[in-house]
Amino acid sequence: MKKTRIFYSSDIQDPPIGITELEGPDISVSLSVLIEHYKKLGEKNLKYVEKFIPIWEKEWEPELFDPRARIVLRGNENIKRIFGKEVNYGDVDTSITAIMVWTVGEEIEKKSSKLMSLRGDLMSGFLLDVVGSIALYDMHRILLDWISDKVERDFSKFVSAEFYPGFKNAPQSIMDKIENEGKTEETIGVTARDKSMLRPRKTQCSFVGFGSEKVQLSQFVSPCDPCSGKKCLYYQLGGCHMDVLNSY
């Protein structure tokens, strides 16, 4: 169980709220979907998961998992001024936007890469990487609930739309603006170094639109684009981990 560190700011209030570190919700990575996924693949595959889980719970989760989030609340007029047409909710009527960036930190990625480069530890490294993805997915759900409750309580607005810039072949400019506007490097150690990507690799971002009408958002996890199919190492070692997440 880890406490999420949230770095929050808002220009909705008068005076505006500068960057403030808040104690966010607890998060414990659920491995039930991983267990169920490998049960379907048979005992040979399940034994790797059974070996992995106690190491994760006793050693790697406490040492490697570092959940942090940067949430910037802006009126839509400021979002339009900063991002122009790059942020588009379609026909949904919104008046407030939360820029959300969240990461599990860089240590899971480092440890996973190291394990996967050592003979005999390939599966441990692979499973650690998958658990990092599960943690990132869990964080999204928890943070969305957190900011939804806060905006509804403070401004009587509801979640109406969500836009993922990295899933739309976003230009480098939008990723740079997210880093600059959120001061993500200074707060949570996240940078925009590569096109449509944030670093550390286990990092995601989204724009959440709030309006007068509550809308149920999709929780579907998009696969890699392009998908490598059977050539993918993840496929060969137990199936696409996007399928694991979508079985929630």
Protein backbone atom coordinates (compact mmCIF):
# COMPACT_ATOMS: atom_id res chain seq x y z
CA MET A 1 0.00 0.00 0.00
CA LYS A 2 1.41 3.37 -1.02
CA LYS A 3 0.15 6.92 -0.56
CA THR A 4 -0.10 8.87 -3.82
CA ARG A 5 1.69 12.21 -3.77
CA ILE A 6 -0.39 14.80 -5.64
CA PHE A 7 1.01 18.17 -6.69
CA TYR A 8 -2.09 20.30 -7.26
CA SER A 9 -2.71 23.83 -8.51
CA SER A 10 -5.76 25.75 -9.72
CA ASP A 11 -6.55 29.08 -11.36
CA ILE A 12 -10.30 28.68 -10.80
CA GLN A 13 -10.24 30.19 -7.31
CA ASP A 14 -9.57 33.82 -6.53
CA PRO A 15 -6.79 34.05 -5.56
CA PRO A 16 -5.40 31.10 -7.54
CA ILE A 17 -3.86 28.14 -5.72
CA GLY A 18 -0.17 27.66 -6.46
CA ILE A 19 1.50 24.26 -6.61
CA THR A 20 0.70 22.48 -3.37
CA GLU A 21 1.64 18.93 -2.39
CA LEU A 22 -1.39 17.05 -1.11
CA GLU A 23 -1.64 13.62 0.44
CA GLY A 24 -3.53 11.67 -2.16
CA PRO A 25 -5.41 8.38 -1.95
CA ASP A 26 -3.84 5.07 -0.97
CA ILE A 27 -3.06 2.69 -3.79
CA SER A 28 -2.31 -1.02 -3.64
CA VAL A 29 -1.65 -2.65 -6.98
CA SER A 30 -4.22 -5.37 -7.64
CA LEU A 31 -2.62 -8.53 -9.02
CA SER A 32 -5.85 -10.53 -9.24
CA VAL A 33 -6.20 -9.94 -12.98
CA LEU A 34 -2.61 -11.10 -13.52
CA ILE A 35 -3.26 -14.31 -11.57
CA GLU A 36 -6.47 -15.02 -13.48
CA HIS A 37 -4.77 -14.36 -16.81
CA TYR A 38 -1.98 -16.85 -16.14
CA LYS A 39 -4.33 -19.44 -14.66
CA LYS A 40 -5.90 -19.66 -18.10
CA LEU A 41 -2.48 -20.36 -19.60
CA GLY A 42 -1.84 -23.37 -17.36
CA GLU A 43 0.28 -24.37 -14.37
CA LYS A 44 3.59 -23.92 -16.20
CA ASN A 45 2.94 -20.21 -16.64
CA LEU A 46 1.20 -19.70 -13.30
CA LYS A 47 4.28 -20.82 -11.33
CA TYR A 48 6.18 -17.74 -12.53
CA VAL A 49 3.45 -15.48 -11.15
CA GLU A 50 3.32 -17.37 -7.84
CA LYS A 51 7.08 -16.90 -7.48
CA PHE A 52 6.85 -13.22 -8.44
CA ILE A 53 4.03 -12.07 -6.13
CA PRO A 54 5.77 -12.42 -2.72
CA ILE A 55 8.88 -10.66 -4.08
CA TRP A 56 6.72 -7.82 -5.34
CA GLU A 57 4.74 -7.48 -2.11
CA LYS A 58 7.67 -7.72 0.31
CA GLU A 59 10.48 -6.08 -1.64
CA TRP A 60 9.74 -4.42 -4.97
CA GLU A 61 6.48 -2.62 -4.22
CA PRO A 62 7.86 -0.89 -1.09
CA GLU A 63 11.20 -0.06 -2.75
CA LEU A 64 10.32 0.64 -6.39
CA PHE A 65 6.72 1.87 -6.58
CA ASP A 66 6.61 5.68 -6.23
CA PRO A 67 3.14 6.94 -7.27
CA ARG A 68 3.12 10.67 -8.02
CA ALA A 69 0.69 12.91 -9.89
CA ARG A 70 0.57 16.48 -11.14
CA ILE A 71 -2.94 17.92 -11.50
CA VAL A 72 -3.49 21.40 -12.95
CA LEU A 73 -7.02 22.81 -12.85
CA ARG A 74 -7.72 25.50 -15.45
CA GLY A 75 -10.70 27.34 -16.86
CA ASN A 76 -11.27 26.36 -20.48
CA GLU A 77 -10.44 29.86 -21.69
CA ASN A 78 -6.90 29.37 -20.37
CA ILE A 79 -6.68 25.87 -21.82
CA LYS A 80 -7.65 27.26 -25.23
CA ARG A 81 -5.11 30.07 -24.90
CA ILE A 82 -2.29 27.65 -24.06
CA PHE A 83 -3.15 24.61 -26.20
CA GLY A 84 -5.36 26.06 -28.95
CA LYS A 85 -7.18 23.37 -30.91
CA GLU A 86 -4.83 20.63 -29.69
CA VAL A 87 -7.26 19.84 -26.85
CA ASN A 88 -10.65 18.95 -28.27
CA TYR A 89 -13.56 17.29 -26.46
CA GLY A 90 -15.75 17.24 -29.55
CA ASP A 91 -19.36 18.27 -28.98
CA VAL A 92 -19.20 17.86 -25.20
CA ASP A 93 -19.88 21.07 -23.27
CA THR A 94 -17.20 21.72 -20.63
CA SER A 95 -16.04 24.77 -18.68
CA ILE A 96 -13.16 23.43 -16.56
CA THR A 97 -10.23 21.19 -17.50
CA ALA A 98 -7.86 19.19 -15.32
CA ILE A 99 -4.47 18.43 -16.85
CA MET A 100 -3.45 15.16 -15.20
CA VAL A 101 0.01 13.59 -15.40
CA TRP A 102 0.75 10.51 -13.33
CA THR A 103 3.71 8.16 -13.00
CA VAL A 104 4.83 5.10 -11.07
CA GLY A 105 8.35 6.53 -11.01
CA GLU A 106 11.45 5.33 -12.83
CA GLU A 107 12.67 2.56 -10.52
CA ILE A 108 10.23 -0.11 -11.77
CA GLU A 109 11.38 0.51 -15.33
CA LYS A 110 15.07 0.38 -14.35
CA LYS A 111 14.68 -2.84 -12.36
CA SER A 112 12.59 -4.48 -15.07
CA SER A 113 15.15 -3.67 -17.77
CA LYS A 114 17.96 -4.99 -15.60
CA LEU A 115 16.14 -8.25 -14.87
CA MET A 116 15.23 -8.80 -18.51
CA SER A 117 18.88 -8.47 -19.49
CA LEU A 118 19.97 -11.23 -17.11
CA ARG A 119 19.75 -14.91 -18.00
CA GLY A 120 17.08 -16.64 -15.97
CA ASP A 121 15.30 -13.47 -14.85
CA LEU A 122 13.43 -12.68 -18.07
CA MET A 123 10.01 -13.61 -16.69
CA SER A 124 10.54 -11.65 -13.48
CA GLY A 125 11.48 -8.57 -15.49
CA PHE A 126 8.52 -9.05 -17.80
CA LEU A 127 6.06 -9.48 -14.93
CA LEU A 128 7.48 -6.43 -13.16
CA ASP A 129 6.91 -4.39 -16.30
CA VAL A 130 3.34 -5.66 -16.58
CA VAL A 131 2.69 -4.84 -12.92
CA GLY A 132 4.00 -1.34 -13.63
CA SER A 133 1.35 -1.03 -16.33
CA ILE A 134 -1.34 -2.32 -13.97
CA ALA A 135 -0.22 0.21 -11.35
CA LEU A 136 -0.42 3.01 -13.91
CA TYR A 137 -3.94 1.91 -14.86
CA ASP A 138 -4.99 1.70 -11.20
CA MET A 139 -3.60 5.19 -10.59
CA HIS A 140 -5.67 6.61 -13.43
CA ARG A 141 -8.91 5.26 -11.99
CA ILE A 142 -8.08 6.43 -8.47
CA LEU A 143 -6.93 9.91 -9.52
CA LEU A 144 -9.95 10.38 -11.77
CA ASP A 145 -12.20 9.63 -8.80
CA TRP A 146 -10.17 12.00 -6.62
CA ILE A 147 -10.31 15.00 -8.96
CA SER A 148 -13.95 14.28 -9.86
CA ASP A 149 -14.96 14.40 -6.20
CA LYS A 150 -12.94 17.58 -5.63
CA VAL A 151 -14.35 19.48 -8.62
CA GLU A 152 -17.91 18.37 -7.86
CA ARG A 153 -17.51 19.41 -4.23
CA ASP A 154 -15.79 22.75 -4.92
CA PHE A 155 -17.42 23.88 -8.19
CA SER A 156 -20.52 21.69 -8.72
CA LYS A 157 -19.14 20.45 -12.06
CA PHE A 158 -18.98 16.86 -13.27
CA VAL A 159 -16.69 14.73 -15.44
CA SER A 160 -17.96 15.09 -18.99
CA ALA A 161 -15.04 14.10 -21.26
CA GLU A 162 -11.45 12.91 -21.33
CA PHE A 163 -8.80 13.38 -24.00
CA TYR A 164 -5.52 11.42 -24.24
CA PRO A 165 -2.98 13.40 -26.28
CA GLY A 166 -0.48 10.53 -26.55
CA PHE A 167 -3.01 8.27 -28.27
CA LYS A 168 -3.63 10.71 -31.13
CA ASN A 169 -0.11 10.94 -32.64
CA ALA A 170 0.23 14.22 -30.80
CA PRO A 171 2.87 16.70 -31.98
CA GLN A 172 5.86 17.30 -29.74
CA SER A 173 4.52 20.79 -29.03
CA ILE A 174 1.59 19.55 -26.93
CA MET A 175 3.83 17.30 -24.84
CA ASP A 176 6.23 20.19 -24.26
CA LYS A 177 3.32 22.42 -23.23
CA ILE A 178 2.10 19.79 -20.76
CA GLU A 179 5.56 19.65 -19.18
CA ASN A 180 5.94 23.43 -19.10
CA GLU A 181 2.41 24.24 -17.92
CA GLY A 182 2.49 21.57 -15.24
CA LYS A 183 6.12 22.05 -14.25
CA THR A 184 6.19 18.27 -14.22
CA GLU A 185 9.96 17.88 -14.14
CA GLU A 186 10.29 19.95 -10.97
CA THR A 187 7.31 18.34 -9.22
CA ILE A 188 7.10 14.67 -10.23
CA GLY A 189 10.24 14.14 -12.33
CA VAL A 190 8.40 13.80 -15.67
CA THR A 191 9.83 15.20 -18.90
CA ALA A 192 8.73 15.34 -22.54
CA ARG A 193 11.87 14.16 -24.32
CA ASP A 194 10.45 12.11 -27.19
CA LYS A 195 7.55 12.67 -29.57
CA SER A 196 4.20 11.73 -28.04
CA MET A 197 5.98 10.26 -25.02
CA LEU A 198 6.69 11.29 -21.47
CA ARG A 199 9.55 10.00 -19.34
CA PRO A 200 9.76 7.88 -17.19
CA ARG A 201 8.15 5.41 -19.57
CA LYS A 202 5.52 4.35 -17.02
CA THR A 203 3.84 7.76 -17.21
CA GLN A 204 0.51 8.83 -18.68
CA CYS A 205 -1.38 12.07 -19.10
CA SER A 206 -4.87 13.18 -19.97
CA PHE A 207 -7.12 16.23 -20.12
CA VAL A 208 -10.34 15.81 -18.14
CA GLY A 209 -13.23 18.11 -19.05
CA PHE A 210 -15.84 19.10 -16.46
CA GLY A 211 -19.30 20.44 -17.25
CA SER A 212 -22.86 20.50 -15.98
CA GLU A 213 -23.61 16.97 -17.20
CA LYS A 214 -22.02 13.81 -15.81
CA VAL A 215 -20.81 11.34 -18.47
CA GLN A 216 -19.60 7.76 -17.89
CA LEU A 217 -16.12 7.53 -19.38
CA SER A 218 -14.75 4.43 -21.11
CA GLN A 219 -12.10 2.46 -19.20
CA PHE A 220 -10.86 0.55 -22.27
CA VAL A 221 -7.08 0.36 -22.61
CA SER A 222 -5.76 0.93 -26.11
CA PRO A 223 -3.21 -1.56 -27.50
CA CYS A 224 0.19 -0.56 -28.81
CA ASP A 225 0.12 1.13 -32.21
CA PRO A 226 1.41 -0.47 -34.34
CA CYS A 227 0.84 -3.89 -32.74
CA SER A 228 3.67 -6.39 -33.33
CA GLY A 229 1.37 -9.38 -32.91
CA LYS A 230 3.15 -12.70 -32.34
CA LYS A 231 6.54 -11.03 -32.76
CA CYS A 232 5.99 -9.09 -29.53
CA LEU A 233 7.97 -10.37 -26.53
CA TYR A 234 4.96 -9.78 -24.29
CA TYR A 235 2.79 -11.94 -26.53
CA GLN A 236 5.38 -14.72 -26.43
CA LEU A 237 5.64 -14.58 -22.63
CA GLY A 238 1.97 -14.84 -21.84
CA GLY A 239 -0.11 -12.54 -23.96
CA CYS A 240 -0.63 -8.84 -24.46
CA HIS A 241 -0.67 -7.04 -21.11
CA MET A 242 -3.33 -4.72 -22.51
CA ASP A 243 -5.61 -7.76 -22.45
CA VAL A 244 -4.73 -8.21 -18.78
CA LEU A 245 -5.80 -4.63 -18.03
CA ASN A 246 -8.98 -4.87 -20.08
CA SER A 247 -10.10 -7.87 -18.02
CA TYR A 248 -10.76 -5.57 -15.03
